[in-house]
């Protein structure tokens, strides 16, 4: 594994866990926007990004950029809610997006 991916992988892992928690907490609840739908997409994006970085794929930068975009989308929707799990999810998504953009640069 490329050691320069370490902080991005860690951010993706935290984002994945926080999105999973948000998804579980929102299960069965009404949402005024795309939360928890965005969490499902963010979980998948983070997992794919982790896999591509862990294998030092030639496509890791492209996946990181896409992951950043999906994380921003998720953060926009989750931070509109007052629930603590949504706020935590949004914060993790923003951090992940920032780390992914560093990789994509």
Protein backbone atom coordinates (compact mmCIF):
# COMPACT_ATOMS: atom_id res chain seq x y z
CA UNK A 1 0.00 0.00 0.00
CA UNK A 2 1.13 3.52 -0.80
CA UNK A 3 1.80 5.16 2.60
CA UNK A 4 0.67 8.55 1.26
CA UNK A 5 -2.88 7.19 1.26
CA UNK A 6 -2.88 6.43 5.00
CA UNK A 7 -4.75 9.53 6.26
CA UNK A 8 -7.26 9.33 3.40
CA UNK A 9 -7.96 5.66 4.09
CA UNK A 10 -8.49 6.46 7.77
CA UNK A 11 -10.86 9.33 6.89
CA UNK A 12 -12.79 7.06 4.51
CA UNK A 13 -13.06 4.39 7.21
CA UNK A 14 -14.42 6.87 9.76
CA UNK A 15 -16.83 8.30 7.21
CA UNK A 16 -18.04 4.83 6.29
CA UNK A 17 -18.72 3.98 9.95
CA UNK A 18 -20.45 7.30 10.69
CA UNK A 19 -22.59 7.02 7.55
CA UNK A 20 -23.53 3.48 8.54
CA UNK A 21 -24.55 4.72 11.98
CA UNK A 22 -26.57 7.58 10.46
CA UNK A 23 -28.27 5.17 8.10
CA UNK A 24 -29.24 2.88 10.99
CA UNK A 25 -30.46 5.77 13.15
CA UNK A 26 -32.54 7.18 10.28
CA UNK A 27 -34.07 3.81 9.45
CA UNK A 28 -37.84 4.11 9.48
CA UNK A 29 -37.77 7.88 10.02
CA UNK A 30 -39.02 10.49 7.59
CA UNK A 31 -36.38 12.73 6.05
CA UNK A 32 -36.86 16.11 4.46
CA UNK A 33 -34.06 15.41 1.98
CA UNK A 34 -31.80 12.63 0.62
CA UNK A 35 -30.60 11.52 4.06
CA UNK A 36 -30.32 8.46 4.51
CA UNK A 37 -30.18 7.74 0.76
CA UNK A 38 -26.96 9.72 0.53
CA UNK A 39 -25.44 7.64 3.33
CA UNK A 40 -25.86 4.46 1.29
CA UNK A 41 -24.04 6.04 -1.63
CA UNK A 42 -21.33 7.47 0.60
CA UNK A 43 -20.70 4.10 2.28
CA UNK A 44 -20.23 2.49 -1.13
CA UNK A 45 -18.01 5.32 -2.38
CA UNK A 46 -15.76 5.19 0.69
CA UNK A 47 -15.44 1.41 0.50
CA UNK A 48 -14.50 1.53 -3.18
CA UNK A 49 -12.03 4.35 -2.56
CA UNK A 50 -10.38 2.41 0.30
CA UNK A 51 -10.03 -0.66 -1.93
CA UNK A 52 -8.48 1.30 -4.79
CA UNK A 53 -6.02 3.06 -2.49
CA UNK A 54 -5.14 -0.15 -0.61
CA UNK A 55 -4.27 -1.85 -3.90
CA UNK A 56 -2.37 1.23 -5.11
CA UNK A 57 -4.53 1.28 -8.21
CA UNK A 58 -3.74 3.59 -11.10
CA UNK A 59 -7.35 4.77 -10.71
CA UNK A 60 -7.13 5.69 -7.02
CA UNK A 61 -7.02 9.43 -7.75
CA UNK A 62 -10.16 9.30 -9.89
CA UNK A 63 -12.00 7.29 -7.23
CA UNK A 64 -10.83 9.73 -4.56
CA UNK A 65 -12.25 12.66 -6.52
CA UNK A 66 -15.59 10.90 -6.99
CA UNK A 67 -15.64 9.93 -3.32
CA UNK A 68 -15.06 13.58 -2.37
CA UNK A 69 -18.02 14.68 -4.48
CA UNK A 70 -20.30 12.03 -2.96
CA UNK A 71 -19.12 12.90 0.56
CA UNK A 72 -19.94 16.58 -0.04
CA UNK A 73 -23.39 15.60 -1.32
CA UNK A 74 -23.97 13.49 1.80
CA UNK A 75 -22.67 16.20 4.14
CA UNK A 76 -24.99 18.78 2.57
CA UNK A 77 -28.01 16.62 3.31
CA UNK A 78 -27.02 15.29 6.73
CA UNK A 79 -25.97 18.64 8.17
CA UNK A 80 -29.46 19.99 7.44
CA UNK A 81 -30.75 17.74 10.25
CA UNK A 82 -30.48 18.47 13.96
CA UNK A 83 -29.79 14.87 15.03
CA UNK A 84 -26.36 14.25 16.57
CA UNK A 85 -25.75 11.24 14.33
CA UNK A 86 -26.47 13.35 11.25
CA UNK A 87 -24.15 16.12 12.44
CA UNK A 88 -21.39 13.55 13.11
CA UNK A 89 -21.95 12.00 9.70
CA UNK A 90 -21.72 15.38 7.99
CA UNK A 91 -18.51 16.24 9.83
CA UNK A 92 -16.91 12.92 8.86
CA UNK A 93 -18.04 13.39 5.27
CA UNK A 94 -16.43 16.85 5.10
CA UNK A 95 -13.15 15.52 6.51
CA UNK A 96 -13.20 12.59 4.11
CA UNK A 97 -13.88 14.88 1.14
CA UNK A 98 -10.94 17.06 2.14
CA UNK A 99 -8.59 14.08 2.45
CA UNK A 100 -9.81 12.60 -0.84
CA UNK A 101 -9.15 15.89 -2.64
CA UNK A 102 -5.57 15.84 -1.38
CA UNK A 103 -5.14 12.41 -3.01
CA UNK A 104 -6.84 13.50 -6.23
CA UNK A 105 -4.65 16.60 -6.62
